[in-house]
């Protein structure tokens, strides 16, 4: 673990939290409220430590995997591919599974998949920019 890794971890953590607030707290808020199965705001706030922990783990793993596989290729394409690959591994299957087991309307599942795939792909570009010139 070096300084570049720690900086990238913090940057991705902050951006992932902000992106999550934008996607789930703004863009999908009305959809979630219409579903009627969300925890009350006070309960959510009381559990915010777990949300922070989850995003710290996500960001650390995201940067760690990218740093281990970065190649000496143009950073933007590499980052976008990486972010999309992570979405294919985690985002898309997770929301498909949630759609199957939770009473989630199909339109909401599609929005979750699209918005979080875009977010994860953009985060891939950011981590690639932070690691530009570091490939093998």
Protein backbone atom coordinates (compact mmCIF):
# COMPACT_ATOMS: atom_id res chain seq x y z
CA UNK A 1 0.00 0.00 0.00
CA UNK A 2 1.53 3.27 -1.10
CA UNK A 3 0.56 6.94 -1.23
CA UNK A 4 -0.97 6.66 -4.72
CA UNK A 5 -3.15 3.76 -3.59
CA UNK A 6 -4.36 5.60 -0.49
CA UNK A 7 -5.15 8.76 -2.47
CA UNK A 8 -7.02 6.74 -5.10
CA UNK A 9 -8.91 4.86 -2.38
CA UNK A 10 -10.07 8.10 -0.75
CA UNK A 11 -11.00 9.70 -4.09
CA UNK A 12 -12.99 6.68 -5.24
CA UNK A 13 -14.64 6.38 -1.81
CA UNK A 14 -15.80 10.01 -1.91
CA UNK A 15 -16.97 9.81 -5.52
CA UNK A 16 -18.76 6.49 -4.97
CA UNK A 17 -20.59 7.89 -1.94
CA UNK A 18 -21.52 11.05 -3.85
CA UNK A 19 -22.59 9.00 -6.87
CA UNK A 20 -24.64 6.72 -4.66
CA UNK A 21 -26.41 9.71 -3.15
CA UNK A 22 -27.10 11.09 -6.63
CA UNK A 23 -28.35 7.77 -8.02
CA UNK A 24 -30.26 6.38 -5.05
CA UNK A 25 -31.04 9.50 -3.03
CA UNK A 26 -32.00 11.78 -5.91
CA UNK A 27 -32.64 9.99 -9.21
CA UNK A 28 -34.37 6.95 -7.71
CA UNK A 29 -35.83 8.49 -4.54
CA UNK A 30 -39.38 8.80 -5.90
CA UNK A 31 -39.27 5.23 -7.21
CA UNK A 32 -38.09 3.93 -3.84
CA UNK A 33 -40.75 5.90 -1.97
CA UNK A 34 -43.46 4.55 -4.29
CA UNK A 35 -42.28 1.01 -3.55
CA UNK A 36 -42.92 1.56 0.17
CA UNK A 37 -40.31 -0.89 1.42
CA UNK A 38 -37.54 1.49 2.50
CA UNK A 39 -36.40 1.93 6.09
CA UNK A 40 -37.50 5.19 7.73
CA UNK A 41 -34.93 7.99 7.33
CA UNK A 42 -34.01 7.89 11.04
CA UNK A 43 -33.20 4.18 10.82
CA UNK A 44 -31.13 4.73 7.70
CA UNK A 45 -29.17 7.49 9.40
CA UNK A 46 -28.58 5.33 12.48
CA UNK A 47 -27.03 2.68 10.22
CA UNK A 48 -24.88 5.10 8.17
CA UNK A 49 -21.71 3.61 9.64
CA UNK A 50 -22.43 0.40 7.76
CA UNK A 51 -22.96 2.38 4.54
CA UNK A 52 -19.59 4.07 5.03
CA UNK A 53 -17.93 0.72 5.73
CA UNK A 54 -19.50 -0.83 2.62
CA UNK A 55 -18.26 2.03 0.42
CA UNK A 56 -14.79 1.94 2.00
CA UNK A 57 -14.58 -1.78 1.15
CA UNK A 58 -15.91 -1.19 -2.38
CA UNK A 59 -13.48 1.66 -3.06
CA UNK A 60 -10.47 -0.17 -1.61
CA UNK A 61 -11.14 -3.35 -3.56
CA UNK A 62 -11.86 -1.38 -6.75
CA UNK A 63 -8.55 0.47 -6.57
CA UNK A 64 -6.63 -2.62 -5.47
CA UNK A 65 -7.82 -4.72 -8.41
CA UNK A 66 -7.19 -1.90 -10.90
CA UNK A 67 -3.69 -1.22 -9.52
CA UNK A 68 -2.74 -4.91 -9.87
CA UNK A 69 -3.85 -5.16 -13.48
CA UNK A 70 -3.10 -1.75 -14.96
CA UNK A 71 -1.24 -1.98 -18.26
CA UNK A 72 0.84 0.51 -20.19
CA UNK A 73 -2.07 1.42 -22.47
CA UNK A 74 -4.17 4.58 -22.85
CA UNK A 75 -5.72 5.24 -19.47
CA UNK A 76 -9.22 6.30 -20.53
CA UNK A 77 -10.14 3.20 -22.53
CA UNK A 78 -8.56 0.97 -19.93
CA UNK A 79 -10.47 2.68 -17.13
CA UNK A 80 -13.82 2.60 -18.91
CA UNK A 81 -13.36 -1.10 -19.71
CA UNK A 82 -12.40 -1.81 -16.11
CA UNK A 83 -15.39 0.06 -14.69
CA UNK A 84 -17.76 -1.69 -17.08
CA UNK A 85 -16.22 -5.08 -16.23
CA UNK A 86 -16.82 -4.41 -12.53
CA UNK A 87 -20.42 -3.49 -13.36
CA UNK A 88 -20.77 -6.80 -15.20
CA UNK A 89 -19.36 -8.68 -12.21
CA UNK A 90 -21.21 -6.90 -9.43
CA UNK A 91 -23.76 -4.24 -10.39
CA UNK A 92 -25.80 -5.91 -13.11
CA UNK A 93 -26.07 -9.38 -11.50
CA UNK A 94 -26.85 -7.88 -8.08
CA UNK A 95 -29.83 -5.88 -9.35
CA UNK A 96 -31.06 -8.81 -11.42
CA UNK A 97 -30.98 -10.96 -8.29
CA UNK A 98 -32.73 -8.24 -6.27
CA UNK A 99 -35.39 -8.06 -8.99
CA UNK A 100 -36.01 -11.78 -8.66
CA UNK A 101 -36.21 -11.92 -4.84
CA UNK A 102 -37.55 -8.47 -3.88
CA UNK A 103 -40.77 -6.83 -5.03
CA UNK A 104 -38.93 -4.39 -7.29
CA UNK A 105 -40.74 -3.03 -10.35
CA UNK A 106 -38.96 -3.85 -13.59
CA UNK A 107 -38.56 -0.17 -14.50
CA UNK A 108 -36.78 0.48 -11.19
CA UNK A 109 -34.43 -2.47 -11.70
CA UNK A 110 -33.55 -1.17 -15.16
CA UNK A 111 -32.84 2.30 -13.76
CA UNK A 112 -30.68 0.82 -10.99
CA UNK A 113 -28.69 -1.19 -13.51
CA UNK A 114 -28.26 1.69 -15.97
CA UNK A 115 -27.42 4.39 -13.41
CA UNK A 116 -25.03 2.26 -11.34
CA UNK A 117 -23.35 0.86 -14.46
CA UNK A 118 -22.72 4.41 -15.65
CA UNK A 119 -21.40 5.36 -12.20
CA UNK A 120 -19.10 2.34 -11.97
CA UNK A 121 -17.81 2.89 -15.51
CA UNK A 122 -17.01 6.54 -14.71
CA UNK A 123 -15.28 5.48 -11.49
CA UNK A 124 -13.13 3.18 -13.62
CA UNK A 125 -12.08 6.18 -15.70
CA UNK A 126 -11.22 8.13 -12.55
CA UNK A 127 -9.05 5.37 -11.07
CA UNK A 128 -7.35 4.95 -14.44
CA UNK A 129 -6.63 8.67 -14.56
CA UNK A 130 -5.15 8.50 -11.07
CA UNK A 131 -2.94 5.57 -12.15
CA UNK A 132 -2.07 6.88 -15.64
CA UNK A 133 1.50 6.08 -16.63
CA UNK A 134 1.77 3.32 -14.00
CA UNK A 135 1.25 0.29 -16.25
CA UNK A 136 3.56 -2.63 -16.78
